[in-house]
Each structure stands twice: as structure tokens, then as C-alpha cells.
């Protein structure tokens, strides 16, 4: 009788871009057992997280200094799969916000079951990337 293994083969993976999508993808792949290398066009690595806003420049990322509001689904996946990123982001000043309840109670009719699916996090992009970079740097794979 032949046995079939459910284990996935380990692959070497290259992720192009160390922005939020690239680092999130790299972390999820590494956590699923792959060996991941991230390549980015910026010649310098990110600074320490606490210095990200004051000293970090990413000339090729035009919206780098603007506020970012993550999609609620991204935030849900991060809380489930990469809670260290959420903890790092919150420690650096990222703010949790419920997009639905930015409206008045007259509009929302108050909290209802399932409204938590509209909860996400917001921060300026250097803070978001610094949180992801901090966790990615500590990831062995």
C-alpha cells in the first residue's frame, strides 16, 4: 500500500519588492515552510522601527509619507496568521479603527453582530513597512 504524504515540498522563493504586499507574502510563505529571499530596489535596509518616520526615505514610492488604511480583510489575516506584525504595528502607533463606525449612530444604527469585520488598522506607510520589516528580519526562513 502506497502512502501519500500531505507535506508540501520546500521551495526557494524570491519575492520582488519589500513593500507591504511583498513582506506580507514573504512572511506567509516562510511560515508555510518555504525559504524566501526578498529583493527590493532600495539600496539601504529599513532603519530601526522607531526611526522610520523621521529618517527613512523611499524615493520610488510616491505615497510613502501618506496615511495608509489597510483593508479589513488584510488586518483579519494579519491578526490570525501574523499577530506579531499587528503587535509591532500597534506598538509603533498604528491605530485600530472600524470603518463602518466612523459614521454616526444615526447612520449605523449602532453596533451589530459582524461589524467587527470592518475593523482595520491605519498608520503612515513608513510605520506599516517598519512593522513588517521588523518581523521579517526576525523570521529565520
N, C-alpha and C. Protein backbone atom coordinates (compact mmCIF):
# COMPACT_ATOMS: atom_id res chain seq x y z
N UNK A 1 0.84 -1.18 0.00
CA UNK A 1 0.00 0.00 0.00
C UNK A 1 0.88 1.24 0.00
N UNK A 2 0.64 2.13 -0.93
CA UNK A 2 1.42 3.35 -1.01
C UNK A 2 0.84 4.41 -0.09
N UNK A 3 1.71 5.12 0.60
CA UNK A 3 1.23 6.22 1.44
C UNK A 3 1.49 7.53 0.69
N UNK A 4 0.56 8.41 0.82
CA UNK A 4 0.67 9.71 0.18
C UNK A 4 0.95 10.74 1.27
N UNK A 5 2.01 11.48 1.10
CA UNK A 5 2.37 12.49 2.08
C UNK A 5 1.59 13.77 1.83
N UNK A 6 1.11 14.36 2.90
CA UNK A 6 0.42 15.65 2.81
C UNK A 6 1.39 16.81 2.93
N UNK A 7 2.65 16.52 3.20
CA UNK A 7 3.62 17.59 3.36
C UNK A 7 3.91 18.25 2.01
N UNK A 8 3.97 19.57 2.02
CA UNK A 8 4.31 20.31 0.81
C UNK A 8 5.83 20.36 0.67
N UNK A 9 6.33 20.26 -0.54
CA UNK A 9 7.78 20.37 -0.70
C UNK A 9 8.25 21.79 -0.40
N UNK A 10 9.42 21.90 0.17
CA UNK A 10 10.01 23.21 0.44
C UNK A 10 10.54 23.77 -0.88
N UNK A 11 10.22 25.00 -1.15
CA UNK A 11 10.68 25.66 -2.36
C UNK A 11 11.47 26.90 -1.98
N UNK A 12 12.45 27.22 -2.79
CA UNK A 12 13.11 28.51 -2.67
C UNK A 12 12.26 29.49 -3.45
N UNK A 13 11.89 30.59 -2.80
CA UNK A 13 11.01 31.58 -3.41
C UNK A 13 11.69 32.94 -3.36
N UNK A 14 11.58 33.69 -4.43
CA UNK A 14 12.06 35.07 -4.47
C UNK A 14 10.85 35.97 -4.57
N UNK A 15 10.76 36.94 -3.66
CA UNK A 15 9.69 37.93 -3.68
C UNK A 15 10.32 39.25 -4.11
N UNK A 16 9.74 39.86 -5.12
CA UNK A 16 10.23 41.14 -5.62
C UNK A 16 9.46 42.27 -4.96
N UNK A 17 10.15 43.07 -4.18
CA UNK A 17 9.55 44.22 -3.52
C UNK A 17 9.36 43.99 -2.04
N UNK A 18 9.89 44.92 -1.24
CA UNK A 18 9.79 44.82 0.22
C UNK A 18 8.78 45.80 0.78
N UNK A 19 7.74 46.09 -0.02
CA UNK A 19 6.65 46.91 0.48
C UNK A 19 5.69 46.04 1.29
N UNK A 20 4.55 46.60 1.66
CA UNK A 20 3.60 45.84 2.48
C UNK A 20 3.16 44.51 1.85
N UNK A 21 2.87 44.50 0.57
CA UNK A 21 2.42 43.27 -0.07
C UNK A 21 3.55 42.25 -0.16
N UNK A 22 4.73 42.69 -0.56
CA UNK A 22 5.86 41.78 -0.67
C UNK A 22 6.26 41.17 0.65
N UNK A 23 6.34 41.99 1.70
CA UNK A 23 6.74 41.46 3.01
C UNK A 23 5.67 40.56 3.61
N UNK A 24 4.39 40.92 3.43
CA UNK A 24 3.33 40.05 3.92
C UNK A 24 3.39 38.70 3.21
N UNK A 25 3.55 38.72 1.90
CA UNK A 25 3.65 37.49 1.12
C UNK A 25 4.85 36.66 1.56
N UNK A 26 5.99 37.32 1.72
CA UNK A 26 7.21 36.61 2.12
C UNK A 26 7.04 35.96 3.49
N UNK A 27 6.45 36.67 4.43
CA UNK A 27 6.25 36.10 5.76
C UNK A 27 5.31 34.90 5.73
N UNK A 28 4.22 35.02 4.99
CA UNK A 28 3.28 33.90 4.91
C UNK A 28 3.92 32.69 4.24
N UNK A 29 4.70 32.91 3.19
CA UNK A 29 5.40 31.80 2.53
C UNK A 29 6.43 31.16 3.46
N UNK A 30 7.17 31.99 4.17
CA UNK A 30 8.18 31.46 5.10
C UNK A 30 7.52 30.64 6.19
N UNK A 31 6.41 31.12 6.70
CA UNK A 31 5.71 30.40 7.76
C UNK A 31 5.11 29.09 7.26
N UNK A 32 4.90 28.99 5.94
CA UNK A 32 4.37 27.73 5.42
C UNK A 32 5.49 26.78 4.99
N UNK A 33 6.73 27.14 5.33
CA UNK A 33 7.83 26.21 5.13
C UNK A 33 8.77 26.50 3.98
N UNK A 34 8.56 27.58 3.27
CA UNK A 34 9.43 27.90 2.14
C UNK A 34 10.61 28.75 2.59
N UNK A 35 11.68 28.69 1.83
CA UNK A 35 12.84 29.54 2.06
C UNK A 35 12.68 30.74 1.14
N UNK A 36 12.58 31.92 1.72
CA UNK A 36 12.21 33.12 0.96
C UNK A 36 13.35 34.13 0.96
N UNK A 37 13.59 34.70 -0.21
CA UNK A 37 14.51 35.82 -0.36
C UNK A 37 13.69 37.00 -0.89
N UNK A 38 13.83 38.15 -0.24
CA UNK A 38 13.12 39.35 -0.67
C UNK A 38 14.12 40.29 -1.32
N UNK A 39 13.82 40.73 -2.53
CA UNK A 39 14.66 41.70 -3.23
C UNK A 39 13.90 43.00 -3.37
N UNK A 40 14.60 44.11 -3.14
CA UNK A 40 13.99 45.43 -3.26
C UNK A 40 14.97 46.36 -3.94
N UNK A 41 14.46 47.35 -4.64
CA UNK A 41 15.36 48.25 -5.37
C UNK A 41 16.05 49.27 -4.47
N UNK A 42 15.52 49.49 -3.26
CA UNK A 42 16.18 50.43 -2.36
C UNK A 42 17.49 49.82 -1.89
N UNK A 43 18.58 50.57 -1.98
CA UNK A 43 19.88 50.01 -1.62
C UNK A 43 20.09 49.83 -0.12
N UNK A 44 19.39 50.59 0.69
CA UNK A 44 19.58 50.53 2.14
C UNK A 44 18.44 49.76 2.79
N UNK A 45 18.74 49.01 3.85
CA UNK A 45 17.66 48.36 4.59
C UNK A 45 16.89 49.41 5.39
N UNK A 46 15.70 49.06 5.86
CA UNK A 46 14.93 50.00 6.67
C UNK A 46 15.68 50.34 7.95
N UNK A 47 15.47 51.54 8.46
CA UNK A 47 16.08 51.88 9.76
C UNK A 47 15.35 51.17 10.89
N UNK A 48 15.85 51.35 12.10
CA UNK A 48 15.14 50.82 13.26
C UNK A 48 13.73 51.38 13.24
N UNK A 49 12.79 50.60 13.71
CA UNK A 49 11.38 50.97 13.62
C UNK A 49 11.08 52.35 14.19
N UNK A 50 11.70 52.70 15.30
CA UNK A 50 11.42 53.97 15.95
C UNK A 50 11.90 55.16 15.12
N UNK A 51 12.81 54.92 14.19
CA UNK A 51 13.34 56.00 13.35
C UNK A 51 12.70 56.05 11.96
N UNK A 52 11.79 55.14 11.69
CA UNK A 52 11.24 55.01 10.34
C UNK A 52 10.63 56.30 9.83
N UNK A 53 9.81 56.97 10.63
CA UNK A 53 9.13 58.17 10.15
C UNK A 53 10.14 59.30 9.94
N UNK A 54 11.06 59.47 10.86
CA UNK A 54 11.95 60.62 10.82
C UNK A 54 13.07 60.50 9.79
N UNK A 55 13.55 59.28 9.54
CA UNK A 55 14.78 59.17 8.75
C UNK A 55 14.67 58.38 7.46
N UNK A 56 13.60 57.65 7.28
CA UNK A 56 13.52 56.73 6.14
C UNK A 56 12.94 57.42 4.92
N UNK A 57 13.60 57.22 3.79
CA UNK A 57 13.12 57.76 2.52
C UNK A 57 13.06 56.64 1.50
N UNK A 58 11.97 56.56 0.77
CA UNK A 58 11.84 55.57 -0.31
C UNK A 58 11.45 56.34 -1.55
N UNK A 59 12.43 56.90 -2.27
CA UNK A 59 12.12 57.79 -3.40
C UNK A 59 11.25 57.17 -4.49
N UNK A 60 11.29 55.87 -4.65
CA UNK A 60 10.48 55.23 -5.69
C UNK A 60 9.04 54.97 -5.28
N UNK A 61 8.71 55.25 -4.02
CA UNK A 61 7.36 55.02 -3.52
C UNK A 61 6.73 56.39 -3.28
N UNK A 62 5.96 56.86 -4.23
CA UNK A 62 5.45 58.24 -4.20
C UNK A 62 4.53 58.50 -3.02
N UNK A 63 3.80 57.53 -2.57
CA UNK A 63 2.86 57.72 -1.48
C UNK A 63 3.47 57.36 -0.12
N UNK A 64 4.78 57.32 -0.03
CA UNK A 64 5.45 56.81 1.16
C UNK A 64 5.09 57.58 2.43
N UNK A 65 4.88 58.86 2.35
CA UNK A 65 4.58 59.67 3.53
C UNK A 65 3.08 59.78 3.81
N UNK A 66 2.27 59.19 2.98
CA UNK A 66 0.83 59.33 3.17
C UNK A 66 0.29 58.26 4.11
N UNK A 67 -0.88 58.56 4.62
CA UNK A 67 -1.54 57.62 5.53
C UNK A 67 -2.00 56.40 4.74
N UNK A 68 -1.94 55.26 5.36
CA UNK A 68 -2.42 54.02 4.76
C UNK A 68 -3.50 53.42 5.66
N UNK A 69 -4.57 53.01 5.05
CA UNK A 69 -5.62 52.31 5.77
C UNK A 69 -5.68 50.92 5.14
N UNK A 70 -5.28 49.93 5.92
CA UNK A 70 -5.27 48.57 5.40
C UNK A 70 -6.70 48.09 5.20
N UNK A 71 -6.89 47.25 4.22
CA UNK A 71 -8.20 46.65 4.02
C UNK A 71 -8.53 45.78 5.23
N UNK A 72 -9.78 45.78 5.67
CA UNK A 72 -10.13 44.96 6.84
C UNK A 72 -9.76 43.49 6.67
N UNK A 73 -9.86 42.95 5.47
CA UNK A 73 -9.51 41.53 5.26
C UNK A 73 -8.02 41.30 5.53
N UNK A 74 -7.16 42.24 5.11
CA UNK A 74 -5.72 42.13 5.38
C UNK A 74 -5.50 42.11 6.88
N UNK A 75 -6.17 43.00 7.58
CA UNK A 75 -6.00 43.08 9.03
C UNK A 75 -6.47 41.79 9.72
N UNK A 76 -7.55 41.23 9.25
CA UNK A 76 -8.04 39.97 9.80
C UNK A 76 -7.02 38.85 9.60
N UNK A 77 -6.47 38.75 8.39
CA UNK A 77 -5.46 37.73 8.11
C UNK A 77 -4.22 37.96 8.97
N UNK A 78 -3.82 39.21 9.12
CA UNK A 78 -2.64 39.51 9.93
C UNK A 78 -2.87 39.10 11.39
N UNK A 79 -4.04 39.39 11.92
CA UNK A 79 -4.32 39.00 13.31
C UNK A 79 -4.29 37.49 13.48
N UNK A 80 -4.76 36.76 12.46
CA UNK A 80 -4.81 35.30 12.54
C UNK A 80 -3.46 34.65 12.25
N UNK A 81 -2.78 35.12 11.21
CA UNK A 81 -1.57 34.45 10.72
C UNK A 81 -0.26 35.08 11.19
N UNK A 82 -0.25 36.39 11.38
CA UNK A 82 0.99 37.09 11.74
C UNK A 82 0.72 38.10 12.86
N UNK A 83 0.28 37.62 14.02
CA UNK A 83 -0.07 38.56 15.10
C UNK A 83 1.10 39.41 15.58
N UNK A 84 2.33 38.94 15.35
CA UNK A 84 3.49 39.75 15.75
C UNK A 84 3.56 41.05 14.95
N UNK A 85 3.11 41.00 13.69
CA UNK A 85 3.09 42.21 12.87
C UNK A 85 2.09 43.21 13.45
N UNK A 86 0.93 42.71 13.84
CA UNK A 86 -0.09 43.58 14.44
C UNK A 86 0.44 44.18 15.73
N UNK A 87 1.07 43.37 16.57
CA UNK A 87 1.62 43.88 17.83
C UNK A 87 2.69 44.94 17.57
N UNK A 88 3.55 44.68 16.61
CA UNK A 88 4.60 45.64 16.26
C UNK A 88 3.99 46.94 15.73
N UNK A 89 3.02 46.81 14.87
CA UNK A 89 2.36 47.98 14.29
C UNK A 89 1.66 48.80 15.37
N UNK A 90 0.97 48.15 16.27
CA UNK A 90 0.27 48.87 17.35
C UNK A 90 1.29 49.54 18.29
N UNK A 91 2.40 48.85 18.56
CA UNK A 91 3.43 49.41 19.43
C UNK A 91 4.03 50.67 18.82
N UNK A 92 4.11 50.71 17.48
CA UNK A 92 4.70 51.86 16.78
C UNK A 92 3.70 52.98 16.55
N UNK A 93 2.47 52.79 16.98
CA UNK A 93 1.50 53.87 16.86
C UNK A 93 0.37 53.63 15.89
N UNK A 94 0.34 52.48 15.22
CA UNK A 94 -0.77 52.18 14.33
C UNK A 94 -2.07 52.16 15.13
N UNK A 95 -3.11 52.72 14.57
CA UNK A 95 -4.38 52.84 15.27
C UNK A 95 -5.43 51.92 14.67
N UNK A 96 -6.10 51.18 15.53
CA UNK A 96 -7.20 50.34 15.09
C UNK A 96 -8.43 51.23 14.90
N UNK A 97 -9.16 50.99 13.82
CA UNK A 97 -10.35 51.78 13.52
C UNK A 97 -11.38 50.87 12.86
N UNK A 98 -12.63 51.11 13.15
CA UNK A 98 -13.70 50.38 12.48
C UNK A 98 -14.27 51.32 11.43
N UNK A 99 -14.11 50.95 10.16
CA UNK A 99 -14.51 51.84 9.07
C UNK A 99 -16.01 52.11 9.05
N UNK A 100 -16.80 51.14 9.40
CA UNK A 100 -18.25 51.34 9.43
C UNK A 100 -18.64 52.37 10.49
N UNK A 101 -18.00 52.25 11.65
CA UNK A 101 -18.40 53.09 12.78
C UNK A 101 -17.65 54.42 12.84
N UNK A 102 -17.08 54.81 11.71
CA UNK A 102 -16.64 56.20 11.56
C UNK A 102 -17.87 57.08 11.32
N UNK A 103 -18.96 56.44 10.93
CA UNK A 103 -20.24 57.12 10.73
C UNK A 103 -20.95 57.28 12.07
N UNK A 104 -21.93 58.14 12.10
CA UNK A 104 -22.70 58.36 13.32
C UNK A 104 -23.64 57.19 13.58
N UNK A 105 -24.11 57.10 14.81
CA UNK A 105 -25.07 56.06 15.18
C UNK A 105 -26.35 56.20 14.35
N UNK A 106 -26.69 57.43 13.98
CA UNK A 106 -27.88 57.62 13.15
C UNK A 106 -27.74 56.90 11.81
N UNK A 107 -26.53 56.78 11.32
CA UNK A 107 -26.29 56.08 10.06
C UNK A 107 -26.13 54.58 10.28
N UNK A 108 -25.37 54.19 11.30
CA UNK A 108 -25.06 52.77 11.51
C UNK A 108 -26.12 52.03 12.30
N UNK A 109 -26.95 52.77 13.04
CA UNK A 109 -27.93 52.18 13.96
C UNK A 109 -27.24 51.39 15.07
N UNK A 110 -26.00 51.78 15.41
CA UNK A 110 -25.25 51.14 16.49
C UNK A 110 -24.55 49.87 16.04
N UNK A 111 -23.83 49.28 16.97
CA UNK A 111 -23.08 48.06 16.69
C UNK A 111 -24.01 46.88 16.50
N UNK A 112 -23.67 46.05 15.54
CA UNK A 112 -24.42 44.82 15.28
C UNK A 112 -23.44 43.67 15.14
N UNK A 113 -23.95 42.46 15.30
CA UNK A 113 -23.10 41.28 15.10
C UNK A 113 -22.47 41.34 13.72
N UNK A 114 -21.19 41.07 13.66
CA UNK A 114 -20.49 41.05 12.39
C UNK A 114 -19.81 42.37 12.02
N UNK A 115 -20.10 43.44 12.76
CA UNK A 115 -19.48 44.73 12.44
C UNK A 115 -17.98 44.73 12.65
N UNK A 116 -17.48 43.79 13.44
CA UNK A 116 -16.03 43.73 13.66
C UNK A 116 -15.27 43.40 12.38
N UNK A 117 -15.96 42.87 11.38
CA UNK A 117 -15.28 42.57 10.11
C UNK A 117 -14.84 43.84 9.38
N UNK A 118 -15.30 44.99 9.83
CA UNK A 118 -14.89 46.26 9.23
C UNK A 118 -13.76 46.94 10.01
N UNK A 119 -13.22 46.23 10.99
CA UNK A 119 -12.12 46.78 11.78
C UNK A 119 -10.81 46.58 11.05
N UNK A 120 -9.99 47.60 11.08
CA UNK A 120 -8.70 47.55 10.41
C UNK A 120 -7.71 48.40 11.19
N UNK A 121 -6.58 48.67 10.57
CA UNK A 121 -5.55 49.47 11.21
C UNK A 121 -5.08 50.54 10.23
N UNK A 122 -4.67 51.66 10.77
CA UNK A 122 -4.19 52.75 9.95
C UNK A 122 -2.88 53.29 10.53
N UNK A 123 -1.99 53.67 9.63
CA UNK A 123 -0.69 54.25 10.02
C UNK A 123 -0.08 54.87 8.77
N UNK A 124 0.89 55.70 8.95
CA UNK A 124 1.62 56.18 7.79
C UNK A 124 2.46 55.02 7.25
N UNK A 125 2.69 55.03 5.96
CA UNK A 125 3.36 53.89 5.33
C UNK A 125 4.72 53.55 5.92
N UNK A 126 5.58 54.51 6.29
CA UNK A 126 6.85 54.10 6.90
C UNK A 126 6.66 53.27 8.16
N UNK A 127 5.62 53.57 8.93
CA UNK A 127 5.35 52.81 10.15
C UNK A 127 4.88 51.40 9.80
N UNK A 128 3.98 51.30 8.82
CA UNK A 128 3.50 49.99 8.37
C UNK A 128 4.65 49.13 7.86
N UNK A 129 5.49 49.70 7.00
CA UNK A 129 6.62 48.94 6.46
C UNK A 129 7.63 48.59 7.54
N UNK A 130 7.85 49.49 8.49
CA UNK A 130 8.79 49.20 9.57
C UNK A 130 8.31 48.03 10.43
N UNK A 131 7.01 47.98 10.70
CA UNK A 131 6.47 46.87 11.50
C UNK A 131 6.65 45.54 10.75
N UNK A 132 6.33 45.54 9.47
CA UNK A 132 6.52 44.33 8.67
C UNK A 132 8.00 43.95 8.59
N UNK A 133 8.86 44.93 8.38
CA UNK A 133 10.31 44.68 8.27
C UNK A 133 10.87 44.10 9.55
N UNK A 134 10.40 44.62 10.67
CA UNK A 134 10.89 44.14 11.97
C UNK A 134 10.60 42.65 12.15
N UNK A 135 9.40 42.24 11.80
CA UNK A 135 9.03 40.83 11.93
C UNK A 135 9.74 39.99 10.86
N UNK A 136 9.83 40.51 9.64
CA UNK A 136 10.51 39.78 8.56
C UNK A 136 11.98 39.57 8.89
N UNK A 137 12.62 40.57 9.48
CA UNK A 137 14.04 40.43 9.84
C UNK A 137 14.26 39.33 10.87
N UNK A 138 13.28 39.10 11.72
CA UNK A 138 13.41 38.08 12.76
C UNK A 138 13.00 36.69 12.27
N UNK A 139 12.44 36.62 11.08
CA UNK A 139 11.97 35.33 10.54
C UNK A 139 13.17 34.52 10.03
N UNK A 140 13.38 33.31 10.53
CA UNK A 140 14.55 32.53 10.11
C UNK A 140 14.51 32.08 8.65
N UNK A 141 13.34 31.90 8.08
CA UNK A 141 13.29 31.39 6.69
C UNK A 141 13.23 32.52 5.68
